[in-house]
Amino acid sequence: GGAMGAMFYMEAITTIDLDVFVLFNDDHNLLPLQPIYDALKARGYAP
């Protein structure tokens, strides 16, 4: 989504990040982003 998503349809827009909207497997998790951060950390990616 965001500006990067818009660039798939029209002229480039200045942006610094890739906005990614996500659906989760577990809707009852109070920290829904934590599994993503854990999986990325295991791959060597950090904030």
All heavy atoms as atom14 arrays in JSON, in Angstrom:
{
  "sequence": "GGAMGAMFYMEAITTIDLDVFVLFNDDHNLLPLQPIYDALKARGYAP",
  "atom14_mask": [
    [1, 1, 1, 1, 0, 0, 0, 0, 0, 0, 0, 0, 0, 0],
    [1, 1, 1, 1, 0, 0, 0, 0, 0, 0, 0, 0, 0, 0],
    [1, 1, 1, 1, 1, 0, 0, 0, 0, 0, 0, 0, 0, 0],
    [1, 1, 1, 1, 1, 1, 1, 1, 0, 0, 0, 0, 0, 0],
    [1, 1, 1, 1, 0, 0, 0, 0, 0, 0, 0, 0, 0, 0],
    [1, 1, 1, 1, 1, 0, 0, 0, 0, 0, 0, 0, 0, 0],
    [1, 1, 1, 1, 1, 1, 1, 1, 0, 0, 0, 0, 0, 0],
    [1, 1, 1, 1, 1, 1, 1, 1, 1, 1, 1, 0, 0, 0],
    [1, 1, 1, 1, 1, 1, 1, 1, 1, 1, 1, 1, 0, 0],
    [1, 1, 1, 1, 1, 1, 1, 1, 0, 0, 0, 0, 0, 0],
    [1, 1, 1, 1, 1, 1, 1, 1, 1, 0, 0, 0, 0, 0],
    [1, 1, 1, 1, 1, 0, 0, 0, 0, 0, 0, 0, 0, 0],
    [1, 1, 1, 1, 1, 1, 1, 1, 0, 0, 0, 0, 0, 0],
    [1, 1, 1, 1, 1, 1, 1, 0, 0, 0, 0, 0, 0, 0],
    [1, 1, 1, 1, 1, 1, 1, 0, 0, 0, 0, 0, 0, 0],
    [1, 1, 1, 1, 1, 1, 1, 1, 0, 0, 0, 0, 0, 0],
    [1, 1, 1, 1, 1, 1, 1, 1, 0, 0, 0, 0, 0, 0],
    [1, 1, 1, 1, 1, 1, 1, 1, 0, 0, 0, 0, 0, 0],
    [1, 1, 1, 1, 1, 1, 1, 1, 0, 0, 0, 0, 0, 0],
    [1, 1, 1, 1, 1, 1, 1, 0, 0, 0, 0, 0, 0, 0],
    [1, 1, 1, 1, 1, 1, 1, 1, 1, 1, 1, 0, 0, 0],
    [1, 1, 1, 1, 1, 1, 1, 0, 0, 0, 0, 0, 0, 0],
    [1, 1, 1, 1, 1, 1, 1, 1, 0, 0, 0, 0, 0, 0],
    [1, 1, 1, 1, 1, 1, 1, 1, 1, 1, 1, 0, 0, 0],
    [1, 1, 1, 1, 1, 1, 1, 1, 0, 0, 0, 0, 0, 0],
    [1, 1, 1, 1, 1, 1, 1, 1, 0, 0, 0, 0, 0, 0],
    [1, 1, 1, 1, 1, 1, 1, 1, 0, 0, 0, 0, 0, 0],
    [1, 1, 1, 1, 1, 1, 1, 1, 1, 1, 0, 0, 0, 0],
    [1, 1, 1, 1, 1, 1, 1, 1, 0, 0, 0, 0, 0, 0],
    [1, 1, 1, 1, 1, 1, 1, 1, 0, 0, 0, 0, 0, 0],
    [1, 1, 1, 1, 1, 1, 1, 1, 0, 0, 0, 0, 0, 0],
    [1, 1, 1, 1, 1, 1, 1, 0, 0, 0, 0, 0, 0, 0],
    [1, 1, 1, 1, 1, 1, 1, 1, 0, 0, 0, 0, 0, 0],
    [1, 1, 1, 1, 1, 1, 1, 1, 1, 0, 0, 0, 0, 0],
    [1, 1, 1, 1, 1, 1, 1, 0, 0, 0, 0, 0, 0, 0],
    [1, 1, 1, 1, 1, 1, 1, 1, 0, 0, 0, 0, 0, 0],
    [1, 1, 1, 1, 1, 1, 1, 1, 1, 1, 1, 1, 0, 0],
    [1, 1, 1, 1, 1, 1, 1, 1, 0, 0, 0, 0, 0, 0],
    [1, 1, 1, 1, 1, 0, 0, 0, 0, 0, 0, 0, 0, 0],
    [1, 1, 1, 1, 1, 1, 1, 1, 0, 0, 0, 0, 0, 0],
    [1, 1, 1, 1, 1, 1, 1, 1, 1, 0, 0, 0, 0, 0],
    [1, 1, 1, 1, 1, 0, 0, 0, 0, 0, 0, 0, 0, 0],
    [1, 1, 1, 1, 1, 1, 1, 1, 1, 1, 1, 0, 0, 0],
    [1, 1, 1, 1, 0, 0, 0, 0, 0, 0, 0, 0, 0, 0],
    [1, 1, 1, 1, 1, 1, 1, 1, 1, 1, 1, 1, 0, 0],
    [1, 1, 1, 1, 1, 0, 0, 0, 0, 0, 0, 0, 0, 0],
    [1, 1, 1, 1, 1, 1, 1, 0, 0, 0, 0, 0, 0, 0]
  ],
  "atom14_positions": [
    [[0.84, -1.2, 0.0], [0.0, 0.0, 0.0], [0.87, 1.24, 0.0], [2.04, 1.2, -0.36], [0.0, 0.0, 0.0], [0.0, 0.0, 0.0], [0.0, 0.0, 0.0], [0.0, 0.0, 0.0], [0.0, 0.0, 0.0], [0.0, 0.0, 0.0], [0.0, 0.0, 0.0], [0.0, 0.0, 0.0], [0.0, 0.0, 0.0], [0.0, 0.0, 0.0]],
    [[0.28, 2.34, 0.44], [1.02, 3.59, 0.56], [1.55, 4.1, -0.77], [1.06, 3.75, -1.85], [0.0, 0.0, 0.0], [0.0, 0.0, 0.0], [0.0, 0.0, 0.0], [0.0, 0.0, 0.0], [0.0, 0.0, 0.0], [0.0, 0.0, 0.0], [0.0, 0.0, 0.0], [0.0, 0.0, 0.0], [0.0, 0.0, 0.0], [0.0, 0.0, 0.0]],
    [[2.58, 4.93, -0.67], [3.16, 5.55, -1.87], [3.76, 4.52, -2.81], [3.65, 4.65, -4.03], [4.2, 6.59, -1.45], [0.0, 0.0, 0.0], [0.0, 0.0, 0.0], [0.0, 0.0, 0.0], [0.0, 0.0, 0.0], [0.0, 0.0, 0.0], [0.0, 0.0, 0.0], [0.0, 0.0, 0.0], [0.0, 0.0, 0.0], [0.0, 0.0, 0.0]],
    [[4.39, 3.49, -2.25], [4.99, 2.46, -3.11], [3.89, 1.71, -3.87], [4.04, 1.41, -5.04], [5.81, 1.49, -2.26], [6.74, 0.63, -3.07], [8.17, 1.48, -3.76], [9.18, 1.66, -2.3], [0.0, 0.0, 0.0], [0.0, 0.0, 0.0], [0.0, 0.0, 0.0], [0.0, 0.0, 0.0], [0.0, 0.0, 0.0], [0.0, 0.0, 0.0]],
    [[2.77, 1.44, -3.22], [1.64, 0.81, -3.9], [1.1, 1.69, -5.01], [0.77, 1.21, -6.11], [0.0, 0.0, 0.0], [0.0, 0.0, 0.0], [0.0, 0.0, 0.0], [0.0, 0.0, 0.0], [0.0, 0.0, 0.0], [0.0, 0.0, 0.0], [0.0, 0.0, 0.0], [0.0, 0.0, 0.0], [0.0, 0.0, 0.0], [0.0, 0.0, 0.0]],
    [[1.04, 2.99, -4.75], [0.54, 3.93, -5.75], [1.42, 3.95, -7.0], [0.94, 4.14, -8.11], [0.43, 5.33, -5.15], [0.0, 0.0, 0.0], [0.0, 0.0, 0.0], [0.0, 0.0, 0.0], [0.0, 0.0, 0.0], [0.0, 0.0, 0.0], [0.0, 0.0, 0.0], [0.0, 0.0, 0.0], [0.0, 0.0, 0.0], [0.0, 0.0, 0.0]],
    [[2.72, 3.71, -6.81], [3.64, 3.75, -7.95], [3.4, 2.63, -8.96], [3.86, 2.71, -10.08], [5.09, 3.74, -7.47], [5.47, 5.06, -6.81], [7.23, 5.3, -6.51], [7.66, 3.86, -5.56], [0.0, 0.0, 0.0], [0.0, 0.0, 0.0], [0.0, 0.0, 0.0], [0.0, 0.0, 0.0], [0.0, 0.0, 0.0], [0.0, 0.0, 0.0]],
    [[2.65, 1.61, -8.56], [2.31, 0.56, -9.52], [1.26, 1.06, -10.51], [1.01, 0.42, -11.53], [1.81, -0.69, -8.8], [2.9, -1.54, -8.21], [3.47, -1.21, -6.99], [3.36, -2.67, -8.88], [4.48, -2.0, -6.44], [4.36, -3.46, -8.35], [4.94, -3.12, -7.12], [0.0, 0.0, 0.0], [0.0, 0.0, 0.0], [0.0, 0.0, 0.0]],
    [[0.62, 2.19, -10.2], [-0.48, 2.7, -11.03], [-0.22, 4.05, -11.67], [-0.91, 4.43, -12.61], [-1.76, 2.82, -10.18], [-2.21, 1.51, -9.6], [-1.92, 1.17, -8.28], [-2.89, 0.58, -10.39], [-2.33, -0.04, -7.76], [-3.3, -0.63, -9.86], [-3.01, -0.94, -8.55], [-3.41, -2.14, -8.02], [0.0, 0.0, 0.0], [0.0, 0.0, 0.0]],
    [[0.7, 4.83, -11.13], [0.92, 6.18, -11.66], [2.37, 6.59, -11.45], [3.18, 5.81, -10.97], [-0.04, 7.17, -11.01], [0.05, 7.25, -9.52], [-1.28, 8.29, -8.88], [-0.94, 8.18, -7.15], [0.0, 0.0, 0.0], [0.0, 0.0, 0.0], [0.0, 0.0, 0.0], [0.0, 0.0, 0.0], [0.0, 0.0, 0.0], [0.0, 0.0, 0.0]],
    [[2.68, 7.84, -11.78], [4.04, 8.34, -11.68], [4.6, 8.15, -10.28], [3.87, 8.13, -9.3], [4.06, 9.84, -12.01], [3.76, 10.14, -13.46], [3.82, 11.64, -13.74], [4.64, 12.33, -13.12], [3.02, 12.08, -14.56], [0.0, 0.0, 0.0], [0.0, 0.0, 0.0], [0.0, 0.0, 0.0], [0.0, 0.0, 0.0], [0.0, 0.0, 0.0]],
    [[5.92, 8.06, -10.23], [6.6, 7.85, -8.96], [6.31, 8.96, -7.97], [6.17, 10.13, -8.33], [8.11, 7.76, -9.2], [0.0, 0.0, 0.0], [0.0, 0.0, 0.0], [0.0, 0.0, 0.0], [0.0, 0.0, 0.0], [0.0, 0.0, 0.0], [0.0, 0.0, 0.0], [0.0, 0.0, 0.0], [0.0, 0.0, 0.0], [0.0, 0.0, 0.0]],
    [[6.21, 8.55, -6.71], [5.98, 9.45, -5.59], [7.15, 9.25, -4.63], [7.58, 8.11, -4.4], [4.66, 9.11, -4.87], [3.48, 9.27, -5.83], [4.46, 9.96, -3.64], [2.19, 8.69, -5.3], [0.0, 0.0, 0.0], [0.0, 0.0, 0.0], [0.0, 0.0, 0.0], [0.0, 0.0, 0.0], [0.0, 0.0, 0.0], [0.0, 0.0, 0.0]],
    [[7.66, 10.32, -4.08], [8.77, 10.2, -3.15], [8.32, 9.43, -1.9], [7.32, 9.77, -1.28], [9.29, 11.59, -2.73], [9.66, 12.29, -3.91], [10.48, 11.46, -1.81], [0.0, 0.0, 0.0], [0.0, 0.0, 0.0], [0.0, 0.0, 0.0], [0.0, 0.0, 0.0], [0.0, 0.0, 0.0], [0.0, 0.0, 0.0], [0.0, 0.0, 0.0]],
    [[9.08, 8.4, -1.58], [8.79, 7.62, -0.38], [10.08, 6.95, 0.07], [10.99, 6.75, -0.74], [7.7, 6.57, -0.61], [7.37, 5.95, 0.63], [8.11, 5.52, -1.61], [0.0, 0.0, 0.0], [0.0, 0.0, 0.0], [0.0, 0.0, 0.0], [0.0, 0.0, 0.0], [0.0, 0.0, 0.0], [0.0, 0.0, 0.0], [0.0, 0.0, 0.0]],
    [[10.15, 6.64, 1.34], [11.35, 6.0, 1.84], [11.12, 4.56, 2.26], [12.05, 3.82, 2.51], [11.96, 6.78, 3.02], [10.96, 6.88, 4.16], [12.46, 8.13, 2.58], [11.55, 7.34, 5.47], [0.0, 0.0, 0.0], [0.0, 0.0, 0.0], [0.0, 0.0, 0.0], [0.0, 0.0, 0.0], [0.0, 0.0, 0.0], [0.0, 0.0, 0.0]],
    [[9.85, 4.16, 2.35], [9.59, 2.81, 2.86], [8.53, 2.1, 2.04], [7.82, 2.69, 1.24], [9.18, 2.84, 4.33], [7.85, 3.56, 4.57], [7.36, 4.23, 3.65], [7.33, 3.46, 5.68], [0.0, 0.0, 0.0], [0.0, 0.0, 0.0], [0.0, 0.0, 0.0], [0.0, 0.0, 0.0], [0.0, 0.0, 0.0], [0.0, 0.0, 0.0]],
    [[8.48, 0.8, 2.26], [7.5, -0.07, 1.63], [6.44, -0.36, 2.69], [6.73, -1.03, 3.68], [8.19, -1.35, 1.17], [7.34, -2.44, 0.53], [6.76, -1.94, -0.78], [8.19, -3.68, 0.28], [0.0, 0.0, 0.0], [0.0, 0.0, 0.0], [0.0, 0.0, 0.0], [0.0, 0.0, 0.0], [0.0, 0.0, 0.0], [0.0, 0.0, 0.0]],
    [[5.22, 0.18, 2.52], [4.13, -0.09, 3.45], [3.47, -1.4, 3.05], [3.01, -1.55, 1.92], [3.08, 1.03, 3.41], [3.61, 2.35, 3.95], [4.54, 2.33, 4.77], [3.08, 3.39, 3.56], [0.0, 0.0, 0.0], [0.0, 0.0, 0.0], [0.0, 0.0, 0.0], [0.0, 0.0, 0.0], [0.0, 0.0, 0.0], [0.0, 0.0, 0.0]],
    [[3.43, -2.33, 4.0], [2.85, -3.65, 3.74], [1.72, -3.89, 4.72], [1.94, -3.93, 5.93], [3.92, -4.76, 3.88], [3.31, -6.13, 3.67], [5.07, -4.52, 2.91], [0.0, 0.0, 0.0], [0.0, 0.0, 0.0], [0.0, 0.0, 0.0], [0.0, 0.0, 0.0], [0.0, 0.0, 0.0], [0.0, 0.0, 0.0], [0.0, 0.0, 0.0]],
    [[0.51, -4.02, 4.2], [-0.64, -4.34, 5.03], [-0.73, -5.86, 5.12], [-0.57, -6.56, 4.12], [-1.93, -3.75, 4.43], [-1.95, -2.26, 4.52], [-1.56, -1.48, 3.45], [-2.34, -1.63, 5.69], [-1.55, -0.09, 3.53], [-2.34, -0.25, 5.79], [-1.95, 0.52, 4.71], [0.0, 0.0, 0.0], [0.0, 0.0, 0.0], [0.0, 0.0, 0.0]],
    [[-0.96, -6.35, 6.33], [-0.95, -7.79, 6.54], [-2.22, -8.29, 7.21], [-2.84, -7.58, 8.01], [0.28, -8.25, 7.38], [1.57, -8.01, 6.62], [0.33, -7.54, 8.71], [0.0, 0.0, 0.0], [0.0, 0.0, 0.0], [0.0, 0.0, 0.0], [0.0, 0.0, 0.0], [0.0, 0.0, 0.0], [0.0, 0.0, 0.0], [0.0, 0.0, 0.0]],
    [[-2.59, -9.52, 6.84], [-3.62, -10.28, 7.54], [-2.9, -11.35, 8.33], [-1.93, -11.94, 7.85], [-4.59, -10.93, 6.55], [-5.55, -10.02, 5.82], [-6.37, -10.83, 4.81], [-6.48, -9.31, 6.77], [0.0, 0.0, 0.0], [0.0, 0.0, 0.0], [0.0, 0.0, 0.0], [0.0, 0.0, 0.0], [0.0, 0.0, 0.0], [0.0, 0.0, 0.0]],
    [[-3.39, -11.62, 9.52], [-2.72, -12.57, 10.41], [-3.47, -13.88, 10.47], [-4.67, -13.95, 10.26], [-2.61, -11.97, 11.82], [-1.82, -10.71, 11.84], [-2.45, -9.47, 11.87], [-0.44, -10.74, 11.8], [-1.72, -8.29, 11.87], [0.31, -9.58, 11.8], [-0.34, -8.35, 11.83], [0.0, 0.0, 0.0], [0.0, 0.0, 0.0], [0.0, 0.0, 0.0]],
    [[-2.73, -14.93, 10.8], [-3.33, -16.25, 10.99], [-4.06, -16.33, 12.31], [-5.04, -17.04, 12.45], [-2.23, -17.33, 10.93], [-1.64, -17.44, 9.54], [-2.37, -17.5, 8.57], [-0.33, -17.43, 9.45], [0.0, 0.0, 0.0], [0.0, 0.0, 0.0], [0.0, 0.0, 0.0], [0.0, 0.0, 0.0], [0.0, 0.0, 0.0], [0.0, 0.0, 0.0]],
    [[-3.58, -15.61, 13.33], [-4.15, -15.65, 14.68], [-4.71, -14.28, 15.02], [-3.96, -13.35, 15.32], [-3.07, -16.05, 15.69], [-3.59, -16.12, 17.11], [-4.8, -15.91, 17.33], [-2.77, -16.37, 18.01], [0.0, 0.0, 0.0], [0.0, 0.0, 0.0], [0.0, 0.0, 0.0], [0.0, 0.0, 0.0], [0.0, 0.0, 0.0], [0.0, 0.0, 0.0]],
    [[-6.03, -14.13, 14.96], [-6.66, -12.84, 15.24], [-6.71, -12.51, 16.73], [-7.12, -11.43, 17.1], [-8.1, -12.83, 14.68], [-8.11, -12.86, 13.16], [-7.12, -12.42, 12.54], [-9.1, -13.34, 12.6], [0.0, 0.0, 0.0], [0.0, 0.0, 0.0], [0.0, 0.0, 0.0], [0.0, 0.0, 0.0], [0.0, 0.0, 0.0], [0.0, 0.0, 0.0]],
    [[-6.31, -13.44, 17.59], [-6.4, -13.21, 19.03], [-5.06, -12.86, 19.66], [-4.97, -12.71, 20.86], [-7.0, -14.45, 19.71], [-8.39, -14.73, 19.23], [-8.65, -15.56, 18.17], [-9.58, -14.26, 19.65], [-9.96, -15.6, 17.96], [-10.54, -14.82, 18.83], [0.0, 0.0, 0.0], [0.0, 0.0, 0.0], [0.0, 0.0, 0.0], [0.0, 0.0, 0.0]],
    [[-4.03, -12.74, 18.87], [-2.71, -12.4, 19.38], [-2.68, -10.93, 19.76], [-2.99, -10.06, 18.96], [-1.66, -12.7, 18.29], [-0.25, -12.53, 18.78], [0.02, -11.96, 19.83], [0.67, -13.05, 17.99], [0.0, 0.0, 0.0], [0.0, 0.0, 0.0], [0.0, 0.0, 0.0], [0.0, 0.0, 0.0], [0.0, 0.0, 0.0], [0.0, 0.0, 0.0]],
    [[-2.27, -10.63, 21.0], [-2.21, -9.24, 21.46], [-1.01, -8.5, 20.89], [-0.98, -7.28, 20.88], [-2.17, -9.2, 22.99], [-3.43, -9.7, 23.69], [-3.25, -9.68, 25.2], [-4.63, -8.88, 23.29], [0.0, 0.0, 0.0], [0.0, 0.0, 0.0], [0.0, 0.0, 0.0], [0.0, 0.0, 0.0], [0.0, 0.0, 0.0], [0.0, 0.0, 0.0]],
    [[-0.03, -9.21, 20.39], [1.15, -8.62, 19.74], [1.25, -9.19, 18.32], [2.14, -9.99, 18.02], [2.42, -8.93, 20.54], [2.46, -8.38, 21.96], [3.66, -8.94, 22.72], [2.49, -6.87, 21.95], [0.0, 0.0, 0.0], [0.0, 0.0, 0.0], [0.0, 0.0, 0.0], [0.0, 0.0, 0.0], [0.0, 0.0, 0.0], [0.0, 0.0, 0.0]],
    [[0.35, -8.79, 17.44], [0.27, -9.45, 16.14], [1.52, -9.33, 15.28], [1.79, -10.2, 14.46], [-0.93, -8.78, 15.46], [-1.06, -7.47, 16.15], [-0.61, -7.7, 17.56], [0.0, 0.0, 0.0], [0.0, 0.0, 0.0], [0.0, 0.0, 0.0], [0.0, 0.0, 0.0], [0.0, 0.0, 0.0], [0.0, 0.0, 0.0], [0.0, 0.0, 0.0]],
    [[2.29, -8.27, 15.46], [3.49, -8.1, 14.63], [4.69, -8.91, 15.13], [5.64, -9.11, 14.4], [3.86, -6.62, 14.54], [2.84, -5.72, 13.84], [3.26, -4.26, 13.93], [2.63, -6.12, 12.4], [0.0, 0.0, 0.0], [0.0, 0.0, 0.0], [0.0, 0.0, 0.0], [0.0, 0.0, 0.0], [0.0, 0.0, 0.0], [0.0, 0.0, 0.0]],
    [[4.62, -9.39, 16.37], [5.77, -10.08, 16.95], [6.22, -11.31, 16.15], [7.42, -11.49, 15.94], [5.49, -10.46, 18.41], [6.75, -10.84, 19.18], [7.76, -9.7, 19.22], [7.42, -8.58, 19.57], [9.0, -9.98, 18.83], [0.0, 0.0, 0.0], [0.0, 0.0, 0.0], [0.0, 0.0, 0.0], [0.0, 0.0, 0.0], [0.0, 0.0, 0.0]],
    [[5.3, -12.16, 15.68], [5.76, -13.3, 14.87], [6.51, -12.86, 13.6], [7.46, -13.54, 13.18], [4.48, -14.05, 14.52], [3.51, -13.66, 15.59], [3.86, -12.24, 15.95], [0.0, 0.0, 0.0], [0.0, 0.0, 0.0], [0.0, 0.0, 0.0], [0.0, 0.0, 0.0], [0.0, 0.0, 0.0], [0.0, 0.0, 0.0], [0.0, 0.0, 0.0]],
    [[6.11, -11.74, 13.02], [6.81, -11.22, 11.84], [8.22, -10.8, 12.23], [9.2, -11.18, 11.58], [6.05, -10.02, 11.22], [4.68, -10.46, 10.72], [6.87, -9.38, 10.11], [3.78, -9.32, 10.31], [0.0, 0.0, 0.0], [0.0, 0.0, 0.0], [0.0, 0.0, 0.0], [0.0, 0.0, 0.0], [0.0, 0.0, 0.0], [0.0, 0.0, 0.0]],
    [[8.33, -10.01, 13.31], [9.65, -9.54, 13.75], [10.55, -10.71, 14.13], [11.74, -10.72, 13.82], [9.52, -8.56, 14.9], [8.8, -7.27, 14.54], [7.94, -6.67, 15.42], [8.99, -6.67, 13.29], [7.28, -5.49, 15.09], [8.33, -5.5, 12.94], [7.49, -4.91, 13.86], [6.85, -3.75, 13.52], [0.0, 0.0, 0.0], [0.0, 0.0, 0.0]],
    [[9.99, -11.73, 14.78], [10.78, -12.91, 15.16], [11.29, -13.64, 13.92], [12.45, -14.04, 13.86], [9.94, -13.86, 16.03], [9.63, -13.29, 17.41], [10.28, -12.3, 17.83], [8.71, -13.84, 18.05], [0.0, 0.0, 0.0], [0.0, 0.0, 0.0], [0.0, 0.0, 0.0], [0.0, 0.0, 0.0], [0.0, 0.0, 0.0], [0.0, 0.0, 0.0]],
    [[10.41, -13.82, 12.93], [10.81, -14.52, 11.7], [11.86, -13.72, 10.94], [12.81, -14.3, 10.38], [9.58, -14.77, 10.82], [0.0, 0.0, 0.0], [0.0, 0.0, 0.0], [0.0, 0.0, 0.0], [0.0, 0.0, 0.0], [0.0, 0.0, 0.0], [0.0, 0.0, 0.0], [0.0, 0.0, 0.0], [0.0, 0.0, 0.0], [0.0, 0.0, 0.0]],
    [[11.73, -12.4, 10.93], [12.71, -11.57, 10.23], [14.04, -11.56, 10.98], [15.11, -11.59, 10.36], [12.17, -10.16, 10.05], [10.98, -10.04, 9.11], [10.41, -8.63, 9.13], [11.36, -10.44, 7.7], [0.0, 0.0, 0.0], [0.0, 0.0, 0.0], [0.0, 0.0, 0.0], [0.0, 0.0, 0.0], [0.0, 0.0, 0.0], [0.0, 0.0, 0.0]],
    [[13.98, -11.5, 12.3], [15.21, -11.51, 13.1], [15.98, -12.82, 12.86], [17.21, -12.81, 12.75], [14.87, -11.36, 14.58], [16.09, -11.22, 15.46], [15.68, -10.97, 16.91], [16.92, -10.84, 17.78], [16.58, -10.63, 19.19], [0.0, 0.0, 0.0], [0.0, 0.0, 0.0], [0.0, 0.0, 0.0], [0.0, 0.0, 0.0], [0.0, 0.0, 0.0]],
    [[15.26, -13.93, 12.75], [15.9, -15.22, 12.48], [16.61, -15.22, 11.12], [17.55, -15.98, 10.92], [14.86, -16.34, 12.54], [0.0, 0.0, 0.0], [0.0, 0.0, 0.0], [0.0, 0.0, 0.0], [0.0, 0.0, 0.0], [0.0, 0.0, 0.0], [0.0, 0.0, 0.0], [0.0, 0.0, 0.0], [0.0, 0.0, 0.0], [0.0, 0.0, 0.0]],
    [[16.15, -14.36, 10.21], [16.77, -14.25, 8.89], [17.88, -13.2, 8.87], [18.48, -12.94, 7.84], [15.72, -13.86, 7.84], [14.74, -14.94, 7.5], [13.67, -14.37, 6.55], [12.89, -15.39, 5.92], [11.87, -16.04, 6.48], [11.52, -15.76, 7.72], [11.21, -16.95, 5.82], [0.0, 0.0, 0.0], [0.0, 0.0, 0.0], [0.0, 0.0, 0.0]],
    [[18.09, -12.52, 10.0], [19.14, -11.52, 10.09], [18.7, -10.1, 9.81], [19.53, -9.2, 9.65], [0.0, 0.0, 0.0], [0.0, 0.0, 0.0], [0.0, 0.0, 0.0], [0.0, 0.0, 0.0], [0.0, 0.0, 0.0], [0.0, 0.0, 0.0], [0.0, 0.0, 0.0], [0.0, 0.0, 0.0], [0.0, 0.0, 0.0], [0.0, 0.0, 0.0]],
    [[17.39, -9.86, 9.75], [16.88, -8.52, 9.5], [16.43, -7.89, 10.82], [15.74, -8.53, 11.62], [15.71, -8.54, 8.51], [16.08, -9.14, 7.19], [15.51, -10.32, 6.76], [17.04, -8.54, 6.37], [15.85, -10.9, 5.54], [17.39, -9.11, 5.16], [16.8, -10.29, 4.75], [17.14, -10.84, 3.55], [0.0, 0.0, 0.0], [0.0, 0.0, 0.0]],
    [[16.81, -6.63, 11.01], [16.5, -5.94, 12.26], [15.81, -4.62, 11.96], [15.86, -4.13, 10.83], [17.8, -5.7, 13.03], [0.0, 0.0, 0.0], [0.0, 0.0, 0.0], [0.0, 0.0, 0.0], [0.0, 0.0, 0.0], [0.0, 0.0, 0.0], [0.0, 0.0, 0.0], [0.0, 0.0, 0.0], [0.0, 0.0, 0.0], [0.0, 0.0, 0.0]],
    [[15.18, -4.02, 12.98], [14.57, -2.71, 12.78], [15.58, -1.71, 12.23], [16.76, -1.73, 12.6], [14.1, -2.31, 14.18], [13.91, -3.61, 14.89], [14.98, -4.52, 14.33], [0.0, 0.0, 0.0], [0.0, 0.0, 0.0], [0.0, 0.0, 0.0], [0.0, 0.0, 0.0], [0.0, 0.0, 0.0], [0.0, 0.0, 0.0], [0.0, 0.0, 0.0]]
  ]
}
